[in-house]
Amino acid sequence: MINTEEKSGGRLEWRINVPDGTTKVLEPERGLIARVGHGFQSLIIGFFKKIRRFLIESWKIGVAEPKKFIHCLKVGLALCVVSLFYYMRPLYEGVGGNAMWAVMTVVVVFEYTVGATICKSVNRAVATTVAGSLGVGIHWIASQCGQKYEPIVLGASVFIFASVVTFSRFIPTVKARFDYGALIFILTFSLVSVSGYRVDKLVDMAHQRVTTIAIGTSLCILTSMLIWPAWAGSQLHHQTISNLEKLAVSLEGYVAEYFSSEETDDVAEDDLNKKLLGYKCILNSKATEETMANLARWEPAHARFYFGYPWQQYLKIGAAARNCAYCIDNLNSCIDSEMQAPEFLKQHIRDYCMKVSNSSSKVLKELAKTIKSNTKSSTIELLVDEMNIEVEDLQNTLKSLSYQTVLPQETMDENHESPENASMLEVLSLGTLVTLLIEAVGRIEEIAEVVDELANKAEFKTQNEKKPQQKQSSQGTATEMNSRNHEEMKALEKV
C-alpha cells in the first residue's frame, strides 16, 4: 500500500508499507545526466585528493631526508650545464651532433651517492673507450678482408664479444663492480661495429662520442662531489652504528618486558613496541650493506675515511649483527608464546637475567661508540668480562633450582593450588628463554671481535690513559665484584 504525505516545504513524500510492518520512503530516481554529473564530480574530487596525498608524502620525504631534495636540484643543474653544448654554437661546433650523448650520459650516470656516480662514470668511460677502440680495430680488419667477407667478420665479432662479455656478468666479482661497464661495452661495440659498415668517417664519430661521454661523466662527478655530497661510506658507517644501538635497545627491552608485571597504557605500549622492533630492520640489511660497501670503495678520501678504507669489515660486523638479531627474534617469539613460566619461577632468576641483558646492552652501546668515534675503547674488555661473569651467575642459578619445583603435567593439574610447583613445559619455556639469552651473549662477543679487528685495520686512535686513582678505583670495583660473586657461589653450593 502506498501513502502520500505533504511536507512543510510543499513537496510530496511517498511511503510504502514493508511486510515487516514498517514504512519506507520512496526516493525519486535520478536522471542519466544527474548520475553522470555526480560520477564526474566524484572522479575530480578523488583525483585532487590523490594529488594532495602525493604532495604531503613528498613533503615528508623532503623534510626527513633533505639530501634527496638536494640531489634533484643537482641533477637539474648538471643537465642545464650540459645543455649549453646545444645552445651555444661554438660548443656545438666543437663536439658536433653527438652533443646529445653528453646529455644522455648525465641522465644515466648521475646517482644519489658519490660512490655510485663515480662507479657508473668510470665504468661508462672505460667501457666506451675500450669498446670504441676495439670496434674501430675490428672494422679495419674486416675492411681488409674484402667487401664480400666484411659483414661476416663484423657479425662474427659482435657475436663473440657480446657472448663473452654477457657471460662475464654472471661472475660475482664482475657483477658487483663492473656490471654496468660490461653492459655499456656490449652496447658501444655493437653500435660501432654495425654503424661502421655504412659510415665512412668512423674514427671521427667514435672520437666525438668518447669526448662527449667524457664531458658528461666529468660534470657528474664534479657536481656530485662538490655540492652537498652524499657519501655511501658515511651512510654505511652510520647504519652500522644505528644497528648496534637497536640491538642493545631490543635485547634489554624484551628481557625487561618479560620479567615486568606492570601493565602500560596503549600509547606507551605502541611506542615501546616500535623501539623494541628496531632489530627487524637488521634482518634484511645484507643486500643494502653489500651495495654500499661496493660503492664506498670507489669514493676518494673524505672526512675520516681514506681511500682504501677497510669497508669489508663493515660487512662482517653486519653479518655478526644479523646473527644476534636472529637470536633476539627467537627470543621475542619465546616471550610471546602462550606457555609462560609461573611468577615464582621468574622471580628466582629475574635479577640475573636483567643483569645479563643490561651488561650485554652496555657492550653493544660501547661498540657503537667505538665505531662512531673511531677510537679504541679502554673499557670494552672489562665490559665483556663483566658480561661473561653475569652469564656464569645465571648458569649457576639455573643449576641451583630444586628439582622439587618441577612436577609432571598430571600432578600439576591436581595440585594447581600450590604456588611452588611448575609443570615441565613451563620450566622448558623459561629454559629456552635463558638459553637464547646466553646464545645472544655469545654472538655479541663475535661482534666485539669483529669491531676490534676493524679498529686494528683502520688504525683507530687509542683513548688517553686514565689517572692512577681512577685505575685503582676500577680495580677495587672489579675486586669487590669478584668477591661478591665468590660469596654467591658459596651460597649456591650450600643450597
Protein backbone atom coordinates (compact mmCIF):
# COMPACT_ATOMS: atom_id res chain seq x y z
CA MET A 1 0.00 0.00 0.00
CA ILE A 2 1.35 3.48 -0.94
CA ASN A 3 0.69 6.56 1.17
CA THR A 4 1.38 10.19 0.30
CA GLU A 5 2.21 12.89 2.79
CA GLU A 6 2.82 16.57 2.16
CA LYS A 7 5.76 18.12 3.97
CA SER A 8 6.00 21.68 5.22
CA GLY A 9 8.07 22.63 2.18
CA GLY A 10 5.21 21.72 -0.15
CA ARG A 11 6.93 18.56 -1.51
CA LEU A 12 5.06 15.26 -1.56
CA GLU A 13 6.70 12.29 0.12
CA TRP A 14 5.78 8.77 -1.00
CA ARG A 15 5.88 5.93 1.52
CA ILE A 16 5.36 2.20 1.02
CA ASN A 17 4.40 -0.40 3.58
CA VAL A 18 7.00 -3.13 4.09
CA PRO A 19 5.90 -6.69 5.05
CA ASP A 20 7.61 -6.38 8.46
CA GLY A 21 5.16 -3.63 9.45
CA THR A 22 7.37 -0.59 8.83
CA THR A 23 7.23 2.03 6.11
CA LYS A 24 9.88 3.02 3.60
CA VAL A 25 10.32 6.37 1.84
CA LEU A 26 10.48 6.17 -1.94
CA GLU A 27 13.17 8.44 -3.37
CA PRO A 28 12.78 9.67 -6.93
CA GLU A 29 15.24 8.15 -9.41
CA ARG A 30 17.98 10.42 -10.72
CA GLY A 31 18.23 11.12 -14.38
CA LEU A 32 21.09 10.00 -16.61
CA ILE A 33 22.63 13.47 -16.72
CA ALA A 34 22.49 13.79 -12.92
CA ARG A 35 24.20 10.41 -12.44
CA VAL A 36 26.94 11.23 -14.95
CA GLY A 37 27.49 14.61 -13.33
CA HIS A 38 27.71 13.06 -9.89
CA GLY A 39 30.21 10.44 -11.10
CA PHE A 40 32.33 13.06 -12.85
CA GLN A 41 32.33 15.19 -9.70
CA SER A 42 33.45 12.22 -7.57
CA LEU A 43 36.23 11.46 -10.08
CA ILE A 44 37.57 15.03 -9.91
CA ILE A 45 37.42 15.10 -6.12
CA GLY A 46 39.25 11.75 -5.90
CA PHE A 47 41.90 12.97 -8.35
CA PHE A 48 42.65 16.08 -6.30
CA LYS A 49 42.71 14.03 -3.09
CA LYS A 50 45.38 11.76 -4.61
CA ILE A 51 47.42 14.78 -5.68
CA ARG A 52 47.15 16.23 -2.19
CA ARG A 53 48.21 12.92 -0.63
CA PHE A 54 51.15 12.69 -3.03
CA LEU A 55 52.32 16.22 -2.17
CA ILE A 56 52.08 15.53 1.56
CA GLU A 57 54.14 12.33 1.24
CA SER A 58 56.70 14.13 -0.93
CA TRP A 59 56.99 16.91 1.63
CA LYS A 60 57.55 14.38 4.44
CA ILE A 61 60.32 12.67 2.45
CA GLY A 62 62.00 16.01 1.74
CA VAL A 63 61.84 17.06 5.39
CA ALA A 64 63.09 13.69 6.66
CA GLU A 65 65.98 13.49 4.16
CA PRO A 66 66.87 16.91 2.71
CA LYS A 67 69.77 15.41 0.72
CA LYS A 68 67.28 13.68 -1.59
CA PHE A 69 65.73 17.04 -2.44
CA ILE A 70 69.20 18.49 -2.98
CA HIS A 71 70.04 15.57 -5.27
CA CYS A 72 67.13 16.52 -7.52
CA LEU A 73 68.49 20.05 -7.79
CA LYS A 74 71.96 18.72 -8.58
CA VAL A 75 70.64 16.58 -11.44
CA GLY A 76 68.74 19.56 -12.85
CA LEU A 77 71.85 21.74 -12.59
CA ALA A 78 74.03 19.16 -14.38
CA LEU A 79 71.52 18.79 -17.22
CA CYS A 80 71.23 22.55 -17.52
CA VAL A 81 75.01 22.97 -17.82
CA VAL A 82 75.47 20.13 -20.30
CA SER A 83 72.65 21.53 -22.45
CA LEU A 84 74.87 24.53 -23.20
CA PHE A 85 76.67 22.33 -25.74
CA TYR A 86 73.49 22.56 -27.80
CA TYR A 87 72.54 26.15 -27.01
CA MET A 88 75.97 27.74 -27.61
CA ARG A 89 77.15 27.43 -31.22
CA PRO A 90 80.94 27.39 -30.52
CA LEU A 91 80.48 24.44 -28.16
CA TYR A 92 78.10 22.71 -30.55
CA GLU A 93 80.53 23.05 -33.45
CA GLY A 94 83.29 21.63 -31.25
CA VAL A 95 81.50 18.37 -30.44
CA GLY A 96 79.15 18.16 -33.40
CA GLY A 97 75.78 16.48 -33.38
CA ASN A 98 76.97 13.97 -30.77
CA ALA A 99 76.37 16.53 -28.01
CA MET A 100 73.23 14.59 -27.14
CA TRP A 101 75.47 11.78 -25.87
CA ALA A 102 76.64 14.12 -23.07
CA VAL A 103 73.02 14.75 -22.06
CA MET A 104 72.25 11.02 -22.11
CA THR A 105 75.36 10.34 -20.05
CA VAL A 106 74.24 12.73 -17.30
CA VAL A 107 70.79 11.14 -17.20
CA VAL A 108 72.02 7.54 -16.87
CA VAL A 109 75.16 8.14 -14.78
CA PHE A 110 74.14 10.66 -12.10
CA GLU A 111 73.26 8.72 -8.93
CA TYR A 112 72.36 9.68 -5.38
CA THR A 113 75.69 8.83 -3.72
CA VAL A 114 79.16 9.89 -4.82
CA GLY A 115 80.34 6.28 -4.94
CA ALA A 116 77.53 5.20 -7.25
CA THR A 117 78.15 8.18 -9.56
CA ILE A 118 81.89 7.54 -9.76
CA CYS A 119 81.33 3.80 -10.27
CA LYS A 120 78.95 4.30 -13.21
CA SER A 121 81.04 7.15 -14.66
CA VAL A 122 84.27 5.17 -14.65
CA ASN A 123 82.51 2.07 -15.97
CA ARG A 124 80.91 4.06 -18.79
CA ALA A 125 84.06 5.96 -19.73
CA VAL A 126 86.37 2.94 -19.71
CA ALA A 127 83.86 0.65 -21.43
CA THR A 128 83.15 3.23 -24.14
CA THR A 129 86.84 3.84 -24.79
CA VAL A 130 87.76 0.15 -24.91
CA ALA A 131 84.73 -0.88 -26.95
CA GLY A 132 85.16 2.05 -29.37
CA SER A 133 88.84 1.32 -29.93
CA LEU A 134 88.16 -2.38 -30.35
CA GLY A 135 85.27 -1.65 -32.72
CA VAL A 136 87.47 0.55 -34.91
CA GLY A 137 90.16 -2.15 -34.96
CA ILE A 138 87.68 -4.87 -35.90
CA HIS A 139 86.27 -2.60 -38.61
CA TRP A 140 89.75 -2.11 -40.10
CA ILE A 141 90.41 -5.87 -40.05
CA ALA A 142 87.05 -6.53 -41.71
CA SER A 143 87.71 -3.92 -44.40
CA GLN A 144 90.95 -5.73 -45.31
CA CYS A 145 89.04 -8.98 -45.93
CA GLY A 146 87.18 -7.56 -48.88
CA GLN A 147 83.64 -6.36 -49.40
CA LYS A 148 82.29 -9.92 -49.58
CA TYR A 149 83.59 -11.09 -46.20
CA GLU A 150 83.40 -7.75 -44.34
CA PRO A 151 79.82 -8.20 -42.97
CA ILE A 152 80.65 -11.80 -41.99
CA VAL A 153 83.68 -10.70 -39.93
CA LEU A 154 81.74 -7.86 -38.30
CA GLY A 155 78.81 -10.12 -37.45
CA ALA A 156 81.06 -12.83 -36.03
CA SER A 157 82.95 -10.29 -33.89
CA VAL A 158 79.69 -8.93 -32.46
CA PHE A 159 78.52 -12.46 -31.66
CA ILE A 160 81.78 -13.48 -29.96
CA PHE A 161 82.38 -10.33 -27.88
CA ALA A 162 78.72 -9.93 -26.89
CA SER A 163 78.53 -13.57 -25.75
CA VAL A 164 81.79 -13.46 -23.78
CA VAL A 165 81.04 -10.17 -22.02
CA THR A 166 77.48 -11.24 -21.25
CA PHE A 167 78.80 -14.41 -19.62
CA SER A 168 81.26 -12.35 -17.56
CA ARG A 169 78.30 -10.55 -15.98
CA PHE A 170 77.42 -13.81 -14.18
CA ILE A 171 80.77 -13.79 -12.34
CA PRO A 172 80.09 -12.38 -8.81
CA THR A 173 83.13 -10.08 -8.76
CA VAL A 174 82.37 -8.60 -12.18
CA LYS A 175 78.66 -8.27 -11.43
CA ALA A 176 79.31 -6.45 -8.16
CA ARG A 177 81.67 -3.79 -9.55
CA PHE A 178 81.67 -3.82 -13.36
CA ASP A 179 78.19 -4.95 -14.39
CA TYR A 180 77.24 -1.54 -15.81
CA GLY A 181 80.56 -1.31 -17.67
CA ALA A 182 80.01 -4.70 -19.28
CA LEU A 183 76.56 -3.60 -20.45
CA ILE A 184 77.95 -0.36 -21.94
CA PHE A 185 80.75 -2.32 -23.63
CA ILE A 186 78.24 -4.52 -25.43
CA LEU A 187 76.15 -1.52 -26.46
CA THR A 188 79.06 0.59 -27.71
CA PHE A 189 80.86 -2.21 -29.51
CA SER A 190 77.66 -3.25 -31.28
CA LEU A 191 76.86 0.33 -32.33
CA VAL A 192 80.37 0.99 -33.62
CA SER A 193 80.60 -2.34 -35.45
CA VAL A 194 77.18 -2.14 -37.05
CA SER A 195 77.17 1.57 -37.89
CA GLY A 196 80.76 1.41 -39.14
CA TYR A 197 79.63 -0.68 -42.08
CA ARG A 198 77.72 2.32 -43.52
CA VAL A 199 79.73 5.25 -42.09
CA ASP A 200 82.87 6.47 -43.79
CA LYS A 201 84.36 8.64 -41.01
CA LEU A 202 84.13 6.04 -38.27
CA VAL A 203 87.16 7.28 -36.31
CA ASP A 204 85.81 10.83 -36.11
CA MET A 205 82.42 9.60 -34.98
CA ALA A 206 83.97 7.39 -32.26
CA HIS A 207 86.22 10.26 -31.12
CA GLN A 208 83.28 12.66 -30.79
CA ARG A 209 81.22 10.19 -28.80
CA VAL A 210 84.07 9.40 -26.42
CA THR A 211 84.66 13.14 -25.95
CA THR A 212 81.03 13.93 -25.18
CA ILE A 213 80.76 11.00 -22.78
CA ALA A 214 83.92 12.15 -21.01
CA ILE A 215 82.39 15.63 -20.66
CA GLY A 216 79.17 14.20 -19.21
CA THR A 217 80.90 11.89 -16.72
CA SER A 218 83.30 14.61 -15.56
CA LEU A 219 80.43 17.01 -14.98
CA CYS A 220 78.51 14.39 -12.99
CA ILE A 221 81.48 13.56 -10.76
CA LEU A 222 82.29 17.21 -10.03
CA THR A 223 78.68 18.12 -9.29
CA SER A 224 78.20 15.08 -7.07
CA MET A 225 81.37 15.69 -5.05
CA LEU A 226 81.37 19.48 -4.72
CA ILE A 227 77.70 20.28 -3.99
CA TRP A 228 76.47 18.72 -0.72
CA PRO A 229 77.88 15.26 -1.43
CA ALA A 230 76.14 12.10 -0.19
CA TRP A 231 78.84 9.54 0.60
CA ALA A 232 77.98 5.84 0.51
CA GLY A 233 80.73 5.12 3.03
CA SER A 234 79.30 7.55 5.56
CA GLN A 235 75.85 6.02 5.13
CA LEU A 236 77.23 2.52 5.75
CA HIS A 237 79.14 3.83 8.78
CA HIS A 238 76.08 5.44 10.37
CA GLN A 239 73.83 2.47 9.55
CA THR A 240 76.22 0.09 11.31
CA ILE A 241 76.22 2.28 14.41
CA SER A 242 72.43 2.50 14.35
CA ASN A 243 72.08 -1.28 14.01
CA LEU A 244 74.21 -1.94 17.09
CA GLU A 245 72.22 0.59 19.11
CA LYS A 246 68.94 -1.00 18.01
CA LEU A 247 70.20 -4.42 19.08
CA ALA A 248 71.05 -3.03 22.52
CA VAL A 249 67.60 -1.46 22.95
CA SER A 250 65.74 -4.56 21.73
CA LEU A 251 67.67 -7.06 23.85
CA GLU A 252 67.41 -5.06 27.05
CA GLY A 253 63.77 -4.10 26.40
CA TYR A 254 62.47 -7.61 25.69
CA VAL A 255 64.05 -9.09 28.82
CA ALA A 256 62.67 -6.25 30.92
CA GLU A 257 59.23 -6.71 29.36
CA TYR A 258 59.25 -10.45 30.04
CA PHE A 259 60.00 -10.07 33.75
CA SER A 260 57.88 -6.96 34.25
CA SER A 261 54.47 -7.41 35.92
CA GLU A 262 53.26 -3.84 35.40
CA GLU A 263 50.77 -3.00 32.67
CA THR A 264 51.24 0.08 30.49
CA ASP A 265 48.70 2.11 28.57
CA ASP A 266 48.11 1.55 24.86
CA VAL A 267 50.02 4.66 23.68
CA ALA A 268 53.11 3.89 25.74
CA GLU A 269 52.95 0.25 24.67
CA ASP A 270 52.84 1.17 20.97
CA ASP A 271 55.89 3.44 21.34
CA LEU A 272 57.72 0.73 23.25
CA ASN A 273 56.95 -1.90 20.61
CA LYS A 274 58.27 0.37 17.84
CA LYS A 275 61.58 0.74 19.69
CA LEU A 276 61.83 -2.96 20.51
CA LEU A 277 61.10 -3.99 16.91
CA GLY A 278 64.05 -1.95 15.66
CA TYR A 279 66.12 -5.13 15.32
CA LYS A 280 63.88 -6.34 12.46
CA CYS A 281 65.41 -3.87 10.00
CA ILE A 282 68.75 -5.61 10.58
CA LEU A 283 67.44 -8.98 9.41
CA ASN A 284 67.13 -7.82 5.77
CA SER A 285 70.08 -5.41 5.64
CA LYS A 286 72.57 -7.68 3.85
CA ALA A 287 71.86 -6.52 0.29
CA THR A 288 71.92 -2.85 1.26
CA GLU A 289 75.18 -3.19 3.17
CA GLU A 290 76.90 -5.05 0.33
CA THR A 291 75.80 -2.40 -2.18
CA MET A 292 77.02 0.49 -0.02
CA ALA A 293 80.33 -1.27 0.71
CA ASN A 294 80.98 -1.83 -3.02
CA LEU A 295 80.17 1.81 -3.79
CA ALA A 296 82.28 3.10 -0.89
CA ARG A 297 85.39 1.53 -2.45
CA TRP A 298 85.09 3.92 -5.40
CA GLU A 299 84.95 7.06 -3.27
CA PRO A 300 88.00 9.25 -2.64
CA ALA A 301 89.17 10.24 0.82
CA HIS A 302 86.54 12.18 2.74
CA ALA A 303 86.11 13.12 6.39
CA ARG A 304 87.83 10.44 8.47
CA PHE A 305 87.68 7.79 5.72
CA TYR A 306 90.71 7.44 3.49
CA PHE A 307 90.89 5.76 0.08
CA GLY A 308 91.21 2.02 0.63
CA TYR A 309 89.40 2.10 3.98
CA PRO A 310 88.55 -1.47 5.16
CA TRP A 311 84.87 -1.34 4.24
CA GLN A 312 84.82 -5.13 4.05
CA GLN A 313 84.95 -5.22 7.85
CA TYR A 314 81.58 -3.45 7.99
CA LEU A 315 80.09 -6.39 6.14
CA LYS A 316 81.48 -8.74 8.79
CA ILE A 317 80.02 -6.55 11.52
CA GLY A 318 76.69 -6.58 9.70
CA ALA A 319 76.75 -10.38 9.42
CA ALA A 320 77.51 -10.75 13.14
CA ALA A 321 74.78 -8.24 13.98
CA ARG A 322 72.27 -10.20 11.90
CA ASN A 323 73.15 -13.39 13.79
CA CYS A 324 72.41 -11.57 17.02
CA ALA A 325 69.19 -10.14 15.55
CA TYR A 326 68.01 -13.67 14.63
CA CYS A 327 68.61 -14.70 18.22
CA ILE A 328 66.60 -11.71 19.51
CA ASP A 329 63.82 -12.58 17.07
CA ASN A 330 63.63 -16.08 18.55
CA LEU A 331 63.71 -14.51 22.00
CA ASN A 332 60.74 -12.37 21.04
CA SER A 333 58.83 -15.43 19.84
CA CYS A 334 59.54 -17.16 23.13
CA ILE A 335 58.26 -14.14 25.08
CA ASP A 336 55.06 -14.01 23.03
CA SER A 337 54.44 -17.74 23.47
CA GLU A 338 51.25 -18.84 25.23
CA MET A 339 53.18 -21.13 27.55
CA GLN A 340 54.73 -18.91 30.21
CA ALA A 341 56.56 -19.81 33.41
CA PRO A 342 54.88 -19.00 36.74
CA GLU A 343 55.82 -15.83 38.55
CA PHE A 344 57.64 -17.54 41.41
CA LEU A 345 59.95 -19.24 38.89
CA LYS A 346 60.53 -15.96 37.04
CA GLN A 347 61.39 -14.15 40.24
CA HIS A 348 64.01 -16.78 41.00
CA ILE A 349 66.17 -15.76 38.04
CA ARG A 350 64.78 -12.30 37.26
CA ASP A 351 67.68 -10.32 38.68
CA TYR A 352 70.30 -12.49 36.98
CA CYS A 353 68.63 -12.23 33.55
CA MET A 354 68.26 -8.48 33.94
CA LYS A 355 71.96 -8.18 34.80
CA VAL A 356 72.91 -10.22 31.72
CA SER A 357 70.74 -8.10 29.42
CA ASN A 358 71.99 -4.84 30.94
CA SER A 359 75.65 -5.83 30.62
CA SER A 360 75.07 -7.04 27.04
CA SER A 361 73.39 -3.77 26.18
CA LYS A 362 76.35 -1.86 27.61
CA VAL A 363 78.75 -3.86 25.42
CA LEU A 364 76.73 -3.14 22.26
CA LYS A 365 76.48 0.57 23.05
CA GLU A 366 80.20 0.75 23.75
CA LEU A 367 80.95 -0.97 20.42
CA ALA A 368 78.68 1.52 18.65
CA LYS A 369 80.51 4.34 20.41
CA THR A 370 83.86 2.89 19.34
CA ILE A 371 82.86 2.86 15.65
CA LYS A 372 81.27 6.30 15.90
CA SER A 373 84.32 7.98 17.42
CA ASN A 374 86.94 5.90 15.55
CA THR A 375 88.62 5.41 18.91
CA LYS A 376 89.59 2.18 20.62
CA SER A 377 87.65 1.70 23.83
CA SER A 378 89.62 1.18 27.03
CA THR A 379 86.65 -0.35 28.86
CA ILE A 380 85.29 -2.83 26.31
CA GLU A 381 87.35 -5.73 27.68
CA LEU A 382 86.13 -5.01 31.21
CA LEU A 383 82.52 -4.84 29.99
CA VAL A 384 82.85 -8.14 28.11
CA ASP A 385 84.35 -9.81 31.19
CA GLU A 386 81.53 -8.44 33.31
CA MET A 387 79.00 -9.79 30.80
CA ASN A 388 80.58 -13.25 30.96
CA ILE A 389 80.56 -13.18 34.77
CA GLU A 390 76.86 -12.37 34.77
CA VAL A 391 76.26 -15.29 32.39
CA GLU A 392 78.12 -17.64 34.74
CA ASP A 393 75.99 -16.41 37.64
CA LEU A 394 72.86 -17.09 35.62
CA GLN A 395 74.02 -20.60 34.73
CA ASN A 396 74.85 -21.37 38.33
CA THR A 397 71.45 -20.11 39.41
CA LEU A 398 69.77 -22.46 36.97
CA LYS A 399 71.76 -25.38 38.36
CA SER A 400 70.68 -24.44 41.87
CA LEU A 401 66.97 -24.76 41.03
CA SER A 402 65.46 -27.55 43.11
CA TYR A 403 64.02 -30.45 41.17
CA GLN A 404 61.10 -30.36 43.56
CA THR A 405 59.73 -27.28 41.80
CA VAL A 406 59.19 -29.37 38.66
CA LEU A 407 56.21 -31.71 38.54
CA PRO A 408 54.62 -33.72 35.72
CA GLN A 409 51.66 -32.08 34.00
CA GLU A 410 49.14 -34.51 35.61
CA THR A 411 50.44 -33.78 39.10
CA MET A 412 50.39 -30.09 38.30
CA ASP A 413 46.71 -30.27 37.35
CA GLU A 414 45.86 -31.98 40.60
CA ASN A 415 47.99 -29.70 42.77
CA HIS A 416 47.40 -26.46 40.89
CA GLU A 417 46.70 -24.67 44.18
CA SER A 418 50.35 -24.99 45.21
CA PRO A 419 52.25 -21.87 44.10
CA GLU A 420 55.67 -23.53 44.42
CA ASN A 421 55.26 -26.13 41.69
CA ALA A 422 55.64 -25.77 37.90
CA SER A 423 54.97 -28.08 35.01
CA MET A 424 57.73 -29.38 32.79
CA LEU A 425 56.52 -27.31 29.82
CA GLU A 426 56.61 -24.12 31.87
CA VAL A 427 60.14 -24.84 33.01
CA LEU A 428 61.19 -25.62 29.44
CA SER A 429 59.80 -22.31 28.19
CA LEU A 430 61.83 -20.47 30.79
CA GLY A 431 64.89 -22.58 30.00
CA THR A 432 64.50 -21.79 26.29
CA LEU A 433 64.44 -18.08 27.05
CA VAL A 434 67.57 -18.30 29.19
CA THR A 435 69.33 -20.39 26.53
CA LEU A 436 68.56 -17.80 23.85
CA LEU A 437 69.78 -15.04 26.14
CA ILE A 438 73.07 -16.86 26.69
CA GLU A 439 73.33 -17.51 22.94
CA ALA A 440 72.84 -13.78 22.29
CA VAL A 441 75.75 -13.06 24.63
CA GLY A 442 77.99 -15.38 22.60
CA ARG A 443 77.06 -13.61 19.38
CA ILE A 444 77.70 -10.22 20.96
CA GLU A 445 81.22 -11.44 21.72
CA GLU A 446 81.63 -12.19 17.99
CA ILE A 447 80.57 -8.60 17.21
CA ALA A 448 83.16 -7.34 19.70
CA GLU A 449 85.89 -9.38 17.99
CA VAL A 450 84.99 -8.08 14.52
CA VAL A 451 84.85 -4.47 15.77
CA ASP A 452 88.29 -4.92 17.36
CA GLU A 453 89.56 -6.23 14.01
CA LEU A 454 88.13 -3.13 12.32
CA ALA A 455 89.83 -0.91 14.90
CA ASN A 456 93.20 -2.52 14.14
CA LYS A 457 92.86 -2.40 10.35
CA ALA A 458 91.51 1.15 10.27
CA GLU A 459 94.07 2.25 12.86
CA PHE A 460 91.62 3.72 15.34
CA LYS A 461 93.04 6.13 17.88
CA THR A 462 93.70 4.94 21.41
CA GLN A 463 91.98 6.67 24.29
CA ASN A 464 94.15 8.59 26.72
CA GLU A 465 95.09 6.59 29.76
CA LYS A 466 93.12 7.45 32.86
CA LYS A 467 94.60 8.75 36.07
CA PRO A 468 96.11 6.21 38.50
CA GLN A 469 93.41 6.93 41.08
CA GLN A 470 90.73 6.06 38.56
CA LYS A 471 92.56 2.86 37.69
CA GLN A 472 92.79 1.91 41.34
CA SER A 473 89.11 2.63 41.82
CA SER A 474 88.22 0.46 38.82
CA GLN A 475 90.47 -2.30 40.12
CA GLY A 476 88.79 -2.01 43.50
CA THR A 477 85.39 -2.28 41.86
CA ALA A 478 86.48 -5.37 39.97
CA THR A 479 87.85 -6.90 43.22
CA GLU A 480 84.59 -6.21 45.02
CA MET A 481 82.66 -7.77 42.14
CA ASN A 482 84.80 -10.91 42.22
CA SER A 483 84.43 -11.24 45.99
CA ARG A 484 80.67 -10.79 45.72
CA ASN A 485 80.48 -13.47 43.00
CA HIS A 486 82.61 -15.78 45.17
CA GLU A 487 80.26 -15.38 48.12
CA GLU A 488 77.25 -16.05 45.89
CA MET A 489 78.89 -19.18 44.55
CA LYS A 490 79.38 -20.47 48.10
CA ALA A 491 75.76 -19.75 48.93
CA LEU A 492 74.61 -21.60 45.82
CA GLU A 493 76.74 -24.60 46.70
CA LYS A 494 75.14 -24.72 50.12
CA VAL A 495 71.72 -24.65 48.56
